[in-house]
Amino acid sequence: MRIGLLLGVEAILVSSAFAGTISVQPSPLDVMAGQTFALEISASGITDLYAFQFDLGFTPGILAASSVTEGPLLVSGGTTIFVPGVIDNVTGTISFTADSLVGSVPGVSADGVLAIVQMQAHGSGEGPITLANVVLLDSALSEIIAATRDGSVSVSGVPEPRSCALCVVPVGVLFWRLYRKSRC
């Protein structure tokens, strides 16, 4: 009886410690090398969300990011200021993606997409997608504590050439050498 009561109290404490979840969606995701795809950074179970910030990590060489755009969740609450962050494909990071409502308005109390990250698969392997430095603020600018759920992308196949220039340049050089040789 005591163990059951303790487990029940522990479950209540754990569930009340977080006001919701920020997660990478879809996860896990399977893609082919060379494929472009979108990942969503989503919020669920969070009330009065006025502003957020996060960093994202990924495996360079397997994945590359091309853009970060604002999701529809915060915009549904009014005018926003969105900062897409800084993409660094060498280190595999997107730093300081942020969004905030503007003015004296209530925060958003709904589930939805905070940001959309466009990525491309470059090499084969497993690529974890990690959330870090997540900060959520309510309309009183008090911190909202939320759990985070990282994601993963599995890339298979051999990357296709990115452009026809990869084929044309060597052929052009070959023809130039043959032309020069025939003139001599």
N, C-alpha and C. Protein backbone atom coordinates (compact mmCIF):
# COMPACT_ATOMS: atom_id res chain seq x y z
N MET A 1 0.82 -1.20 0.00
CA MET A 1 0.00 0.00 0.00
C MET A 1 0.86 1.25 0.00
N ARG A 2 1.91 1.27 0.84
CA ARG A 2 2.80 2.43 0.91
C ARG A 2 3.52 2.66 -0.41
N ILE A 3 3.97 1.58 -1.04
CA ILE A 3 4.69 1.70 -2.31
C ILE A 3 3.77 2.28 -3.38
N GLY A 4 2.54 1.80 -3.44
CA GLY A 4 1.57 2.33 -4.40
C GLY A 4 1.30 3.80 -4.17
N LEU A 5 1.17 4.22 -2.90
CA LEU A 5 0.93 5.61 -2.56
C LEU A 5 2.13 6.47 -2.96
N LEU A 6 3.35 5.99 -2.68
CA LEU A 6 4.55 6.73 -3.05
C LEU A 6 4.68 6.87 -4.56
N LEU A 7 4.38 5.80 -5.29
CA LEU A 7 4.45 5.88 -6.75
C LEU A 7 3.41 6.85 -7.28
N GLY A 8 2.24 6.89 -6.70
CA GLY A 8 1.20 7.84 -7.11
C GLY A 8 1.61 9.28 -6.87
N VAL A 9 2.19 9.56 -5.69
CA VAL A 9 2.68 10.91 -5.38
C VAL A 9 3.81 11.29 -6.31
N GLU A 10 4.72 10.36 -6.59
CA GLU A 10 5.84 10.62 -7.50
C GLU A 10 5.33 10.95 -8.90
N ALA A 11 4.33 10.24 -9.37
CA ALA A 11 3.77 10.50 -10.69
C ALA A 11 3.15 11.89 -10.75
N ILE A 12 2.48 12.32 -9.69
CA ILE A 12 1.88 13.65 -9.65
C ILE A 12 2.97 14.71 -9.67
N LEU A 13 4.02 14.52 -8.89
CA LEU A 13 5.12 15.49 -8.84
C LEU A 13 5.83 15.60 -10.19
N VAL A 14 6.09 14.47 -10.83
CA VAL A 14 6.77 14.49 -12.12
C VAL A 14 5.91 15.16 -13.18
N SER A 15 4.61 14.84 -13.21
CA SER A 15 3.75 15.41 -14.24
C SER A 15 3.54 16.90 -14.03
N SER A 16 3.59 17.40 -12.78
CA SER A 16 3.40 18.83 -12.55
C SER A 16 4.71 19.61 -12.67
N ALA A 17 5.84 18.93 -12.79
CA ALA A 17 7.12 19.62 -12.90
C ALA A 17 7.27 20.29 -14.27
N PHE A 18 6.62 19.77 -15.27
CA PHE A 18 6.71 20.33 -16.61
C PHE A 18 5.34 20.79 -17.08
N ALA A 19 5.31 21.93 -17.76
CA ALA A 19 4.06 22.49 -18.23
C ALA A 19 3.75 22.09 -19.66
N GLY A 20 4.49 21.19 -20.23
CA GLY A 20 4.27 20.77 -21.61
C GLY A 20 5.55 20.22 -22.21
N THR A 21 5.54 20.08 -23.53
CA THR A 21 6.68 19.47 -24.22
C THR A 21 7.01 20.24 -25.49
N ILE A 22 8.30 20.40 -25.75
CA ILE A 22 8.82 20.92 -27.02
C ILE A 22 9.49 19.72 -27.68
N SER A 23 9.12 19.43 -28.93
CA SER A 23 9.65 18.23 -29.57
C SER A 23 9.99 18.45 -31.04
N VAL A 24 10.84 17.57 -31.56
CA VAL A 24 11.20 17.53 -32.98
C VAL A 24 10.26 16.54 -33.64
N GLN A 25 9.58 16.97 -34.71
CA GLN A 25 8.60 16.12 -35.41
C GLN A 25 8.87 16.13 -36.91
N PRO A 26 8.66 15.13 -37.66
CA PRO A 26 8.41 13.78 -37.18
C PRO A 26 9.71 13.14 -36.72
N SER A 27 9.61 12.21 -35.83
CA SER A 27 10.78 11.50 -35.35
C SER A 27 10.35 10.12 -34.86
N PRO A 28 11.06 9.10 -35.24
CA PRO A 28 12.18 9.10 -36.17
C PRO A 28 11.69 9.29 -37.61
N LEU A 29 12.59 9.75 -38.45
CA LEU A 29 12.29 10.01 -39.85
C LEU A 29 13.32 9.27 -40.71
N ASP A 30 12.85 8.56 -41.74
CA ASP A 30 13.73 7.86 -42.67
C ASP A 30 13.70 8.58 -44.01
N VAL A 31 14.89 8.96 -44.51
CA VAL A 31 15.00 9.66 -45.79
C VAL A 31 16.12 9.04 -46.62
N MET A 32 16.12 9.37 -47.90
CA MET A 32 17.19 8.92 -48.80
C MET A 32 18.24 10.03 -48.93
N ALA A 33 19.48 9.65 -49.15
CA ALA A 33 20.55 10.63 -49.36
C ALA A 33 20.18 11.51 -50.54
N GLY A 34 20.41 12.80 -50.40
CA GLY A 34 20.08 13.77 -51.42
C GLY A 34 18.69 14.36 -51.26
N GLN A 35 17.87 13.77 -50.40
CA GLN A 35 16.49 14.22 -50.22
C GLN A 35 16.44 15.47 -49.33
N THR A 36 15.57 16.41 -49.70
CA THR A 36 15.28 17.58 -48.88
C THR A 36 14.01 17.28 -48.08
N PHE A 37 13.99 17.69 -46.82
CA PHE A 37 12.84 17.41 -45.96
C PHE A 37 12.70 18.50 -44.92
N ALA A 38 11.55 18.52 -44.25
CA ALA A 38 11.28 19.52 -43.22
C ALA A 38 11.09 18.84 -41.87
N LEU A 39 11.64 19.46 -40.85
CA LEU A 39 11.40 19.05 -39.46
C LEU A 39 10.66 20.18 -38.78
N GLU A 40 9.72 19.82 -37.94
CA GLU A 40 8.96 20.82 -37.19
C GLU A 40 9.38 20.79 -35.73
N ILE A 41 9.55 21.96 -35.16
CA ILE A 41 9.75 22.08 -33.72
C ILE A 41 8.38 22.43 -33.17
N SER A 42 7.80 21.50 -32.41
CA SER A 42 6.41 21.62 -31.99
C SER A 42 6.28 21.78 -30.48
N ALA A 43 5.19 22.43 -30.08
CA ALA A 43 4.86 22.61 -28.67
C ALA A 43 3.54 21.92 -28.39
N SER A 44 3.46 21.25 -27.25
CA SER A 44 2.19 20.66 -26.83
C SER A 44 2.04 20.82 -25.33
N GLY A 45 0.81 21.10 -24.91
CA GLY A 45 0.50 21.20 -23.49
C GLY A 45 1.02 22.45 -22.81
N ILE A 46 1.34 23.49 -23.57
CA ILE A 46 1.88 24.73 -22.99
C ILE A 46 0.81 25.81 -23.07
N THR A 47 0.61 26.52 -21.96
CA THR A 47 -0.38 27.60 -21.95
C THR A 47 0.30 28.95 -21.78
N ASP A 48 -0.32 29.98 -22.34
CA ASP A 48 0.15 31.36 -22.23
C ASP A 48 1.57 31.55 -22.78
N LEU A 49 1.88 30.89 -23.91
CA LEU A 49 3.21 31.03 -24.52
C LEU A 49 3.31 32.37 -25.23
N TYR A 50 4.22 33.21 -24.77
CA TYR A 50 4.42 34.55 -25.32
C TYR A 50 5.69 34.63 -26.16
N ALA A 51 6.72 33.90 -25.77
CA ALA A 51 8.00 33.94 -26.48
C ALA A 51 8.75 32.63 -26.27
N PHE A 52 9.64 32.32 -27.23
CA PHE A 52 10.47 31.13 -27.08
C PHE A 52 11.82 31.34 -27.75
N GLN A 53 12.78 30.52 -27.36
CA GLN A 53 14.11 30.48 -27.97
C GLN A 53 14.61 29.06 -27.86
N PHE A 54 15.38 28.59 -28.89
CA PHE A 54 16.00 27.28 -28.81
C PHE A 54 17.20 27.21 -29.75
N ASP A 55 18.06 26.25 -29.49
CA ASP A 55 19.16 25.88 -30.39
C ASP A 55 18.88 24.46 -30.86
N LEU A 56 19.41 24.12 -32.02
CA LEU A 56 19.21 22.78 -32.57
C LEU A 56 20.56 22.22 -33.00
N GLY A 57 20.81 20.97 -32.68
CA GLY A 57 22.04 20.30 -33.09
C GLY A 57 21.73 19.14 -34.03
N PHE A 58 22.62 18.91 -35.00
CA PHE A 58 22.47 17.80 -35.94
C PHE A 58 23.85 17.33 -36.36
N THR A 59 23.92 16.19 -37.05
CA THR A 59 25.20 15.60 -37.43
C THR A 59 25.65 16.15 -38.78
N PRO A 60 26.71 17.00 -38.78
CA PRO A 60 27.21 17.51 -40.06
C PRO A 60 27.81 16.36 -40.87
N GLY A 61 27.75 16.46 -42.18
CA GLY A 61 28.22 15.38 -43.03
C GLY A 61 27.09 14.43 -43.40
N ILE A 62 26.17 14.24 -42.48
CA ILE A 62 24.98 13.43 -42.77
C ILE A 62 23.82 14.36 -43.12
N LEU A 63 23.68 15.45 -42.35
CA LEU A 63 22.59 16.40 -42.55
C LEU A 63 23.13 17.81 -42.72
N ALA A 64 22.37 18.64 -43.44
CA ALA A 64 22.69 20.06 -43.57
C ALA A 64 21.38 20.83 -43.50
N ALA A 65 21.39 21.96 -42.82
CA ALA A 65 20.20 22.80 -42.72
C ALA A 65 20.29 23.91 -43.76
N SER A 66 19.14 24.28 -44.33
CA SER A 66 19.15 25.37 -45.32
C SER A 66 18.34 26.58 -44.86
N SER A 67 17.31 26.38 -44.03
CA SER A 67 16.53 27.53 -43.56
C SER A 67 15.72 27.16 -42.34
N VAL A 68 15.33 28.20 -41.61
CA VAL A 68 14.41 28.06 -40.47
C VAL A 68 13.34 29.12 -40.68
N THR A 69 12.07 28.70 -40.67
CA THR A 69 10.97 29.64 -40.84
C THR A 69 10.03 29.55 -39.64
N GLU A 70 9.29 30.61 -39.45
CA GLU A 70 8.36 30.70 -38.33
C GLU A 70 7.18 29.76 -38.54
N GLY A 71 6.84 29.03 -37.51
CA GLY A 71 5.66 28.17 -37.55
C GLY A 71 4.40 28.98 -37.26
N PRO A 72 3.23 28.38 -37.45
CA PRO A 72 1.98 29.11 -37.29
C PRO A 72 1.49 29.30 -35.86
N LEU A 73 2.09 28.64 -34.87
CA LEU A 73 1.53 28.68 -33.52
C LEU A 73 1.54 30.07 -32.91
N LEU A 74 2.70 30.70 -32.79
CA LEU A 74 2.77 31.99 -32.11
C LEU A 74 2.08 33.08 -32.91
N VAL A 75 2.14 33.00 -34.23
CA VAL A 75 1.48 33.98 -35.10
C VAL A 75 -0.03 34.01 -34.85
N SER A 76 -0.58 32.89 -34.42
CA SER A 76 -2.01 32.83 -34.15
C SER A 76 -2.42 33.74 -32.99
N GLY A 77 -1.45 34.22 -32.21
CA GLY A 77 -1.74 35.10 -31.08
C GLY A 77 -1.59 36.58 -31.39
N GLY A 78 -1.10 36.92 -32.58
CA GLY A 78 -0.93 38.33 -32.93
C GLY A 78 0.37 38.58 -33.68
N THR A 79 0.80 39.83 -33.67
CA THR A 79 2.03 40.24 -34.34
C THR A 79 3.24 39.65 -33.62
N THR A 80 4.22 39.18 -34.40
CA THR A 80 5.41 38.55 -33.82
C THR A 80 6.68 39.16 -34.39
N ILE A 81 7.76 38.92 -33.68
CA ILE A 81 9.11 39.19 -34.18
C ILE A 81 9.82 37.85 -34.19
N PHE A 82 10.24 37.39 -35.39
CA PHE A 82 10.88 36.08 -35.54
C PHE A 82 12.34 36.24 -35.92
N VAL A 83 13.20 35.50 -35.24
CA VAL A 83 14.64 35.45 -35.55
C VAL A 83 14.96 34.00 -35.92
N PRO A 84 15.34 33.75 -37.20
CA PRO A 84 15.54 32.36 -37.63
C PRO A 84 16.77 31.68 -37.03
N GLY A 85 17.66 32.45 -36.45
CA GLY A 85 18.87 31.86 -35.89
C GLY A 85 20.00 31.82 -36.90
N VAL A 86 21.12 31.29 -36.47
CA VAL A 86 22.32 31.20 -37.30
C VAL A 86 22.59 29.73 -37.60
N ILE A 87 22.61 29.39 -38.89
CA ILE A 87 22.88 28.01 -39.31
C ILE A 87 24.37 27.85 -39.52
N ASP A 88 24.96 26.81 -38.92
CA ASP A 88 26.36 26.46 -39.12
C ASP A 88 26.43 24.98 -39.48
N ASN A 89 26.52 24.69 -40.78
CA ASN A 89 26.55 23.30 -41.23
C ASN A 89 27.89 22.62 -40.99
N VAL A 90 28.92 23.37 -40.67
CA VAL A 90 30.22 22.78 -40.34
C VAL A 90 30.17 22.14 -38.96
N THR A 91 29.58 22.84 -37.99
CA THR A 91 29.50 22.30 -36.63
C THR A 91 28.18 21.56 -36.38
N GLY A 92 27.22 21.70 -37.28
CA GLY A 92 25.93 21.03 -37.10
C GLY A 92 25.07 21.70 -36.05
N THR A 93 24.97 23.04 -36.12
CA THR A 93 24.16 23.76 -35.15
C THR A 93 23.31 24.84 -35.82
N ILE A 94 22.19 25.09 -35.21
CA ILE A 94 21.38 26.27 -35.51
C ILE A 94 21.23 26.96 -34.16
N SER A 95 21.79 28.15 -34.04
CA SER A 95 21.83 28.84 -32.75
C SER A 95 20.85 30.01 -32.72
N PHE A 96 20.21 30.17 -31.58
CA PHE A 96 19.37 31.31 -31.24
C PHE A 96 18.21 31.54 -32.20
N THR A 97 17.42 30.50 -32.42
CA THR A 97 16.15 30.70 -33.10
C THR A 97 15.18 31.21 -32.03
N ALA A 98 14.50 32.33 -32.33
CA ALA A 98 13.64 32.95 -31.32
C ALA A 98 12.40 33.56 -31.97
N ASP A 99 11.35 33.67 -31.19
CA ASP A 99 10.10 34.28 -31.65
C ASP A 99 9.40 34.87 -30.44
N SER A 100 8.73 36.00 -30.65
CA SER A 100 8.01 36.64 -29.55
C SER A 100 6.78 37.37 -30.08
N LEU A 101 5.72 37.32 -29.31
CA LEU A 101 4.58 38.17 -29.58
C LEU A 101 4.98 39.60 -29.26
N VAL A 102 4.25 40.55 -29.82
CA VAL A 102 4.56 41.96 -29.60
C VAL A 102 3.38 42.63 -28.91
N GLY A 103 3.67 43.43 -27.90
CA GLY A 103 2.63 44.20 -27.23
C GLY A 103 2.03 43.50 -26.03
N SER A 104 1.04 44.13 -25.49
CA SER A 104 0.38 43.64 -24.29
C SER A 104 -0.79 42.73 -24.69
N VAL A 105 -0.44 41.51 -25.07
CA VAL A 105 -1.43 40.52 -25.49
C VAL A 105 -1.21 39.25 -24.69
N PRO A 106 -2.25 38.43 -24.55
CA PRO A 106 -2.05 37.15 -23.85
C PRO A 106 -1.23 36.20 -24.71
N GLY A 107 -0.58 35.27 -24.06
CA GLY A 107 0.16 34.24 -24.79
C GLY A 107 -0.78 33.23 -25.42
N VAL A 108 -0.23 32.39 -26.26
CA VAL A 108 -1.01 31.37 -26.98
C VAL A 108 -1.13 30.13 -26.10
N SER A 109 -2.33 29.58 -26.04
CA SER A 109 -2.59 28.35 -25.28
C SER A 109 -3.15 27.30 -26.23
N ALA A 110 -2.28 26.72 -27.02
CA ALA A 110 -2.68 25.70 -28.00
C ALA A 110 -1.47 24.87 -28.37
N ASP A 111 -1.69 23.72 -28.94
CA ASP A 111 -0.60 22.89 -29.46
C ASP A 111 -0.33 23.31 -30.90
N GLY A 112 0.94 23.25 -31.32
CA GLY A 112 1.24 23.58 -32.70
C GLY A 112 2.71 23.69 -32.99
N VAL A 113 3.02 24.19 -34.19
CA VAL A 113 4.38 24.25 -34.70
C VAL A 113 5.00 25.62 -34.39
N LEU A 114 6.15 25.61 -33.72
CA LEU A 114 6.88 26.84 -33.41
C LEU A 114 7.75 27.28 -34.58
N ALA A 115 8.45 26.33 -35.20
CA ALA A 115 9.37 26.65 -36.29
C ALA A 115 9.50 25.44 -37.21
N ILE A 116 9.87 25.71 -38.47
CA ILE A 116 10.06 24.66 -39.46
C ILE A 116 11.49 24.77 -39.98
N VAL A 117 12.23 23.66 -39.91
CA VAL A 117 13.62 23.62 -40.33
C VAL A 117 13.72 22.80 -41.62
N GLN A 118 14.21 23.43 -42.69
CA GLN A 118 14.43 22.73 -43.95
C GLN A 118 15.83 22.13 -43.91
N MET A 119 15.92 20.84 -44.23
CA MET A 119 17.21 20.14 -44.18
C MET A 119 17.38 19.30 -45.44
N GLN A 120 18.63 18.89 -45.66
CA GLN A 120 18.93 17.97 -46.75
C GLN A 120 19.84 16.88 -46.20
N ALA A 121 19.58 15.65 -46.67
CA ALA A 121 20.39 14.50 -46.29
C ALA A 121 21.57 14.40 -47.25
N HIS A 122 22.79 14.42 -46.73
CA HIS A 122 23.98 14.38 -47.58
C HIS A 122 24.68 13.03 -47.58
N GLY A 123 24.77 12.39 -46.43
CA GLY A 123 25.47 11.11 -46.34
C GLY A 123 24.62 10.12 -45.58
N SER A 124 24.96 8.86 -45.68
CA SER A 124 24.13 7.86 -45.01
C SER A 124 24.56 7.69 -43.55
N GLY A 125 23.59 7.33 -42.72
CA GLY A 125 23.83 7.12 -41.30
C GLY A 125 22.69 7.64 -40.48
N GLU A 126 22.85 7.53 -39.18
CA GLU A 126 21.84 7.99 -38.22
C GLU A 126 22.23 9.38 -37.75
N GLY A 127 21.29 10.32 -37.81
CA GLY A 127 21.56 11.70 -37.41
C GLY A 127 20.62 12.16 -36.30
N PRO A 128 21.10 12.24 -35.06
CA PRO A 128 20.25 12.76 -33.99
C PRO A 128 19.99 14.26 -34.19
N ILE A 129 18.79 14.69 -33.82
CA ILE A 129 18.42 16.11 -33.84
C ILE A 129 18.16 16.48 -32.38
N THR A 130 18.99 17.37 -31.83
CA THR A 130 18.90 17.67 -30.41
C THR A 130 18.48 19.13 -30.16
N LEU A 131 17.56 19.29 -29.24
CA LEU A 131 17.14 20.60 -28.79
C LEU A 131 18.00 21.00 -27.59
N ALA A 132 18.41 22.27 -27.54
CA ALA A 132 19.21 22.75 -26.41
C ALA A 132 18.84 24.21 -26.15
N ASN A 133 19.17 24.67 -24.97
CA ASN A 133 18.93 26.07 -24.58
C ASN A 133 17.51 26.52 -24.86
N VAL A 134 16.55 25.65 -24.57
CA VAL A 134 15.14 25.98 -24.78
C VAL A 134 14.68 26.92 -23.66
N VAL A 135 14.14 28.07 -24.06
CA VAL A 135 13.59 29.03 -23.11
C VAL A 135 12.18 29.38 -23.59
N LEU A 136 11.22 29.25 -22.69
CA LEU A 136 9.83 29.59 -22.98
C LEU A 136 9.38 30.64 -21.96
N LEU A 137 8.68 31.68 -22.43
CA LEU A 137 8.20 32.72 -21.53
C LEU A 137 6.69 32.90 -21.70
N ASP A 138 6.02 33.20 -20.59
CA ASP A 138 4.59 33.49 -20.66
C ASP A 138 4.39 35.00 -20.82
N SER A 139 3.14 35.45 -20.84
CA SER A 139 2.86 36.86 -21.10
C SER A 139 3.31 37.78 -19.97
N ALA A 140 3.62 37.23 -18.80
CA ALA A 140 4.20 38.02 -17.70
C ALA A 140 5.72 37.97 -17.75
N LEU A 141 6.27 37.35 -18.81
CA LEU A 141 7.70 37.13 -19.02
C LEU A 141 8.32 36.25 -17.94
N SER A 142 7.51 35.37 -17.37
CA SER A 142 8.00 34.36 -16.44
C SER A 142 8.32 33.10 -17.24
N GLU A 143 9.34 32.36 -16.78
CA GLU A 143 9.75 31.16 -17.50
C GLU A 143 8.73 30.03 -17.37
N ILE A 144 8.48 29.38 -18.47
CA ILE A 144 7.64 28.18 -18.50
C ILE A 144 8.60 26.99 -18.59
N ILE A 145 8.48 26.04 -17.69
CA ILE A 145 9.34 24.86 -17.70
C ILE A 145 8.66 23.78 -18.55
N ALA A 146 9.36 23.27 -19.53
CA ALA A 146 8.81 22.24 -20.41
C ALA A 146 9.83 21.14 -20.63
N ALA A 147 9.34 19.96 -20.88
CA ALA A 147 10.21 18.84 -21.24
C ALA A 147 10.59 19.00 -22.72
N THR A 148 11.71 18.43 -23.10
CA THR A 148 12.10 18.44 -24.51
C THR A 148 12.21 17.00 -25.00
N ARG A 149 11.87 16.81 -26.25
CA ARG A 149 11.97 15.49 -26.87
C ARG A 149 12.74 15.65 -28.17
N ASP A 150 13.97 15.13 -28.18
CA ASP A 150 14.82 15.19 -29.36
C ASP A 150 14.29 14.28 -30.45
N GLY A 151 14.89 14.37 -31.62
CA GLY A 151 14.48 13.53 -32.73
C GLY A 151 15.66 12.83 -33.36
N SER A 152 15.38 12.10 -34.44
CA SER A 152 16.46 11.45 -35.18
C SER A 152 16.04 11.27 -36.64
N VAL A 153 17.05 11.31 -37.49
CA VAL A 153 16.84 11.11 -38.93
C VAL A 153 17.79 10.01 -39.37
N SER A 154 17.24 9.03 -40.05
CA SER A 154 18.05 7.94 -40.60
C SER A 154 18.15 8.15 -42.11
N VAL A 155 19.38 8.24 -42.60
CA VAL A 155 19.62 8.51 -44.02
C VAL A 155 20.20 7.25 -44.65
N SER A 156 19.58 6.81 -45.75
CA SER A 156 20.09 5.64 -46.47
C SER A 156 20.30 5.99 -47.93
N GLY A 157 21.11 5.17 -48.60
CA GLY A 157 21.36 5.39 -50.02
C GLY A 157 22.61 6.20 -50.27
N VAL A 158 22.95 6.31 -51.54
CA VAL A 158 24.12 7.07 -51.97
C VAL A 158 23.64 8.41 -52.51
N PRO A 159 24.27 9.52 -52.10
CA PRO A 159 23.82 10.82 -52.61
C PRO A 159 23.96 10.90 -54.12
N GLU A 160 22.98 11.54 -54.75
CA GLU A 160 23.04 11.78 -56.19
C GLU A 160 23.83 13.04 -56.43
N PRO A 161 24.44 13.17 -57.62
CA PRO A 161 25.15 14.43 -57.92
C PRO A 161 24.21 15.61 -57.78
N ARG A 162 24.75 16.73 -57.28
CA ARG A 162 23.92 17.90 -57.03
C ARG A 162 23.60 18.69 -58.29
N SER A 163 24.42 18.57 -59.31
CA SER A 163 24.10 19.28 -60.55
C SER A 163 24.80 18.60 -61.71
N CYS A 164 24.35 18.98 -62.88
CA CYS A 164 24.94 18.43 -64.09
C CYS A 164 26.37 18.94 -64.28
N ALA A 165 26.71 20.05 -63.61
CA ALA A 165 28.05 20.61 -63.74
C ALA A 165 29.11 19.60 -63.30
N LEU A 166 28.75 18.72 -62.39
CA LEU A 166 29.70 17.70 -61.95
C LEU A 166 30.10 16.78 -63.10
N CYS A 167 29.20 16.60 -64.07
CA CYS A 167 29.48 15.75 -65.22
C CYS A 167 30.08 16.55 -66.37
N VAL A 168 29.60 17.76 -66.59
CA VAL A 168 29.98 18.57 -67.75
C VAL A 168 31.43 19.05 -67.65
N VAL A 169 31.87 19.46 -66.48
CA VAL A 169 33.23 20.00 -66.34
C VAL A 169 34.30 18.98 -66.72
N PRO A 170 34.28 17.73 -66.20
CA PRO A 170 35.31 16.78 -66.61
C PRO A 170 35.24 16.47 -68.10
N VAL A 171 34.06 16.37 -68.67
CA VAL A 171 33.92 16.09 -70.10
C VAL A 171 34.49 17.26 -70.90
N GLY A 172 34.21 18.50 -70.47
CA GLY A 172 34.74 19.69 -71.16
C GLY A 172 36.26 19.71 -71.13
N VAL A 173 36.84 19.38 -70.00
CA VAL A 173 38.31 19.35 -69.87
C VAL A 173 38.88 18.28 -70.81
N LEU A 174 38.23 17.11 -70.85
CA LEU A 174 38.68 16.05 -71.74
C LEU A 174 38.66 16.50 -73.19
N PHE A 175 37.56 17.12 -73.63
CA PHE A 175 37.48 17.60 -75.01
C PHE A 175 38.52 18.67 -75.29
N TRP A 176 38.78 19.56 -74.37
CA TRP A 176 39.79 20.60 -74.55
C TRP A 176 41.17 19.99 -74.75
N ARG A 177 41.49 19.01 -73.94
CA ARG A 177 42.80 18.34 -74.07
C ARG A 177 42.91 17.62 -75.41
N LEU A 178 41.84 16.92 -75.81
CA LEU A 178 41.86 16.25 -77.12
C LEU A 178 42.01 17.26 -78.27
N TYR A 179 41.33 18.39 -78.16
CA TYR A 179 41.41 19.44 -79.18
C TYR A 179 42.84 19.97 -79.27
N ARG A 180 43.44 20.28 -78.13
CA ARG A 180 44.80 20.81 -78.12
C ARG A 180 45.78 19.79 -78.67
N LYS A 181 45.59 18.52 -78.34
CA LYS A 181 46.48 17.47 -78.80
C LYS A 181 46.38 17.30 -80.31
N SER A 182 45.18 17.40 -80.87
CA SER A 182 45.00 17.22 -82.31
C SER A 182 45.57 18.38 -83.10
N ARG A 183 45.73 19.55 -82.51
CA ARG A 183 46.26 20.73 -83.20
C ARG A 183 47.77 20.71 -83.22
N CYS A 184 48.37 19.91 -82.39
CA CYS A 184 49.83 19.88 -82.33
C CYS A 184 50.45 19.01 -83.35
